[in-house]
Amino acid sequence: MRALWPEWLEKRKSVMRKAEQARVRLNLGRTGLGLERRGEPRVASTVLTSMIKLAIMCLVVAAIAAILGFGGVAGAFVDIAVWIAIIAVVLFVVFLLLGIFAGKKASDALD
């Protein structure tokens, strides 16, 4: 009877090797927290998207807390969601203006 253990172990090593290669290709590191590709900076829209997702999650937690009768917690989470949304909008406007002005300067320099 042939033992299945070595085959299983080899498959697992192969899968782990492929995952490590993908992690290195995407430059995610061991924790997998980064979103940028190798050599490219993190895009501002990714940060803003995650801020909006965080604000929506806070609103969902606030709704659940309000349904369960935790009014103080619900109010706090609504305040947090509002502040995160305001910061995301301000950052969006700042990056939009920077992109417009930097684009004009770059096109002027190329002409």
C-alpha atoms as a PDB file:
ATOM      1  CA  MET A   1       0.000   0.000   0.000  1.00  0.00           C
ATOM      2  CA  ARG A   2       1.430   3.318  -1.058  1.00  0.00           C
ATOM      3  CA  ALA A   3       1.474   6.147   1.451  1.00  0.00           C
ATOM      4  CA  LEU A   4      -0.447   9.266   0.443  1.00  0.00           C
ATOM      5  CA  TRP A   5       1.442  11.513   2.823  1.00  0.00           C
ATOM      6  CA  PRO A   6       4.398  12.367   0.516  1.00  0.00           C
ATOM      7  CA  GLU A   7       2.059  13.198  -2.394  1.00  0.00           C
ATOM      8  CA  TRP A   8      -0.065  15.418  -0.206  1.00  0.00           C
ATOM      9  CA  LEU A   9       3.020  17.117   1.170  1.00  0.00           C
ATOM     10  CA  GLU A  10       4.393  17.761  -2.312  1.00  0.00           C
ATOM     11  CA  LYS A  11       1.064  19.242  -3.441  1.00  0.00           C
ATOM     12  CA  ARG A  12       1.000  21.510  -0.414  1.00  0.00           C
ATOM     13  CA  LYS A  13       4.581  22.646  -1.045  1.00  0.00           C
ATOM     14  CA  SER A  14       3.714  23.334  -4.680  1.00  0.00           C
ATOM     15  CA  VAL A  15       0.674  25.401  -3.723  1.00  0.00           C
ATOM     16  CA  MET A  16       2.667  27.330  -1.108  1.00  0.00           C
ATOM     17  CA  ARG A  17       5.429  27.977  -3.651  1.00  0.00           C
ATOM     18  CA  LYS A  18       2.911  29.339  -6.174  1.00  0.00           C
ATOM     19  CA  ALA A  19       1.303  31.542  -3.530  1.00  0.00           C
ATOM     20  CA  GLU A  20       4.705  32.921  -2.541  1.00  0.00           C
ATOM     21  CA  GLN A  21       5.533  33.645  -6.192  1.00  0.00           C
ATOM     22  CA  ALA A  22       2.218  35.485  -6.614  1.00  0.00           C
ATOM     23  CA  ARG A  23       2.873  37.432  -3.411  1.00  0.00           C
ATOM     24  CA  VAL A  24       6.314  38.436  -4.665  1.00  0.00           C
ATOM     25  CA  ARG A  25       4.917  39.369  -8.085  1.00  0.00           C
ATOM     26  CA  LEU A  26       2.321  41.647  -6.507  1.00  0.00           C
ATOM     27  CA  ASN A  27       4.743  42.853  -3.818  1.00  0.00           C
ATOM     28  CA  LEU A  28       2.276  42.038  -1.065  1.00  0.00           C
ATOM     29  CA  GLY A  29       4.847  40.910   1.450  1.00  0.00           C
ATOM     30  CA  ARG A  30       4.174  38.327   4.110  1.00  0.00           C
ATOM     31  CA  THR A  31       1.171  40.135   5.580  1.00  0.00           C
ATOM     32  CA  GLY A  32      -0.623  40.733   2.287  1.00  0.00           C
ATOM     33  CA  LEU A  33      -1.654  44.247   3.296  1.00  0.00           C
ATOM     34  CA  GLY A  34      -0.213  46.198   0.358  1.00  0.00           C
ATOM     35  CA  LEU A  35      -2.245  46.868  -2.746  1.00  0.00           C
ATOM     36  CA  GLU A  36       0.456  48.201  -5.030  1.00  0.00           C
ATOM     37  CA  ARG A  37       2.298  46.298  -7.694  1.00  0.00           C
ATOM     38  CA  ARG A  38       6.072  46.154  -7.719  1.00  0.00           C
ATOM     39  CA  GLY A  39       7.564  49.565  -8.500  1.00  0.00           C
ATOM     40  CA  GLU A  40       4.225  51.363  -8.660  1.00  0.00           C
ATOM     41  CA  PRO A  41       2.995  53.726  -5.949  1.00  0.00           C
ATOM     42  CA  ARG A  42      -0.284  53.125  -4.199  1.00  0.00           C
ATOM     43  CA  VAL A  43      -3.086  54.817  -6.107  1.00  0.00           C
ATOM     44  CA  ALA A  44      -5.071  57.497  -4.306  1.00  0.00           C
ATOM     45  CA  SER A  45      -8.359  56.124  -5.634  1.00  0.00           C
ATOM     46  CA  THR A  46      -7.648  52.833  -3.849  1.00  0.00           C
ATOM     47  CA  VAL A  47      -7.252  54.688  -0.567  1.00  0.00           C
ATOM     48  CA  LEU A  48     -10.441  56.661  -1.145  1.00  0.00           C
ATOM     49  CA  THR A  49     -12.345  53.516  -2.086  1.00  0.00           C
ATOM     50  CA  SER A  50     -11.250  51.817   1.113  1.00  0.00           C
ATOM     51  CA  MET A  51     -12.261  54.885   3.118  1.00  0.00           C
ATOM     52  CA  ILE A  52     -15.727  54.826   1.588  1.00  0.00           C
ATOM     53  CA  LYS A  53     -15.992  51.084   2.308  1.00  0.00           C
ATOM     54  CA  LEU A  54     -14.963  51.763   5.912  1.00  0.00           C
ATOM     55  CA  ALA A  55     -17.610  54.486   6.217  1.00  0.00           C
ATOM     56  CA  ILE A  56     -20.267  52.131   4.851  1.00  0.00           C
ATOM     57  CA  MET A  57     -19.179  49.409   7.293  1.00  0.00           C
ATOM     58  CA  CYS A  58     -19.480  51.909  10.158  1.00  0.00           C
ATOM     59  CA  LEU A  59     -22.998  52.774   9.012  1.00  0.00           C
ATOM     60  CA  VAL A  60     -23.933  49.081   8.896  1.00  0.00           C
ATOM     61  CA  VAL A  61     -22.562  48.548  12.415  1.00  0.00           C
ATOM     62  CA  ALA A  62     -24.457  51.640  13.561  1.00  0.00           C
ATOM     63  CA  ALA A  63     -27.690  50.308  12.066  1.00  0.00           C
ATOM     64  CA  ILE A  64     -27.227  46.933  13.741  1.00  0.00           C
ATOM     65  CA  ALA A  65     -26.412  48.608  17.062  1.00  0.00           C
ATOM     66  CA  ALA A  66     -29.480  50.832  16.766  1.00  0.00           C
ATOM     67  CA  ILE A  67     -31.720  47.848  16.030  1.00  0.00           C
ATOM     68  CA  LEU A  68     -30.331  46.059  19.088  1.00  0.00           C
ATOM     69  CA  GLY A  69     -30.952  49.126  21.259  1.00  0.00           C
ATOM     70  CA  PHE A  70     -27.401  50.426  21.694  1.00  0.00           C
ATOM     71  CA  GLY A  71     -28.131  54.069  20.888  1.00  0.00           C
ATOM     72  CA  GLY A  72     -24.852  55.478  22.157  1.00  0.00           C
ATOM     73  CA  VAL A  73     -22.745  53.049  20.169  1.00  0.00           C
ATOM     74  CA  ALA A  74     -24.893  53.624  17.078  1.00  0.00           C
ATOM     75  CA  GLY A  75     -24.480  57.394  17.379  1.00  0.00           C
ATOM     76  CA  ALA A  76     -20.721  57.055  17.768  1.00  0.00           C
ATOM     77  CA  PHE A  77     -20.443  54.862  14.681  1.00  0.00           C
ATOM     78  CA  VAL A  78     -22.563  57.282  12.658  1.00  0.00           C
ATOM     79  CA  ASP A  79     -20.260  60.127  13.691  1.00  0.00           C
ATOM     80  CA  ILE A  80     -17.210  58.068  12.717  1.00  0.00           C
ATOM     81  CA  ALA A  81     -18.775  57.233   9.348  1.00  0.00           C
ATOM     82  CA  VAL A  82     -19.575  60.891   8.671  1.00  0.00           C
ATOM     83  CA  TRP A  83     -16.027  61.982   9.503  1.00  0.00           C
ATOM     84  CA  ILE A  84     -14.495  59.275   7.333  1.00  0.00           C
ATOM     85  CA  ALA A  85     -16.782  60.239   4.438  1.00  0.00           C
ATOM     86  CA  ILE A  86     -15.886  63.938   4.826  1.00  0.00           C
ATOM     87  CA  ILE A  87     -12.166  63.147   4.859  1.00  0.00           C
ATOM     88  CA  ALA A  88     -12.577  60.944   1.768  1.00  0.00           C
ATOM     89  CA  VAL A  89     -14.379  63.722  -0.124  1.00  0.00           C
ATOM     90  CA  VAL A  90     -11.758  66.301   0.874  1.00  0.00           C
ATOM     91  CA  LEU A  91      -8.942  63.989  -0.221  1.00  0.00           C
ATOM     92  CA  PHE A  92     -10.763  63.321  -3.493  1.00  0.00           C
ATOM     93  CA  VAL A  93     -11.017  67.048  -4.231  1.00  0.00           C
ATOM     94  CA  VAL A  94      -7.373  67.639  -3.280  1.00  0.00           C
ATOM     95  CA  PHE A  95      -6.134  64.804  -5.493  1.00  0.00           C
ATOM     96  CA  LEU A  96      -8.429  65.899  -8.315  1.00  0.00           C
ATOM     97  CA  LEU A  97      -7.032  69.443  -8.226  1.00  0.00           C
ATOM     98  CA  LEU A  98      -3.465  68.160  -7.975  1.00  0.00           C
ATOM     99  CA  GLY A  99      -4.061  65.907 -10.967  1.00  0.00           C
ATOM    100  CA  ILE A 100      -5.523  68.749 -13.030  1.00  0.00           C
ATOM    101  CA  PHE A 101      -2.730  71.205 -12.229  1.00  0.00           C
ATOM    102  CA  ALA A 102       0.034  68.616 -12.586  1.00  0.00           C
ATOM    103  CA  GLY A 103      -1.475  67.505 -15.914  1.00  0.00           C
ATOM    104  CA  LYS A 104      -1.482  71.086 -17.201  1.00  0.00           C
ATOM    105  CA  LYS A 105       2.134  71.621 -16.154  1.00  0.00           C
ATOM    106  CA  ALA A 106       3.189  68.348 -17.763  1.00  0.00           C
ATOM    107  CA  SER A 107       1.413  69.140 -21.029  1.00  0.00           C
ATOM    108  CA  ASP A 108       2.896  72.658 -21.047  1.00  0.00           C
ATOM    109  CA  ALA A 109       6.370  71.223 -20.514  1.00  0.00           C
ATOM    110  CA  LEU A 110       5.918  68.781 -23.396  1.00  0.00           C
ATOM    111  CA  ASP A 111       4.709  71.469 -25.841  1.00  0.00           C
END
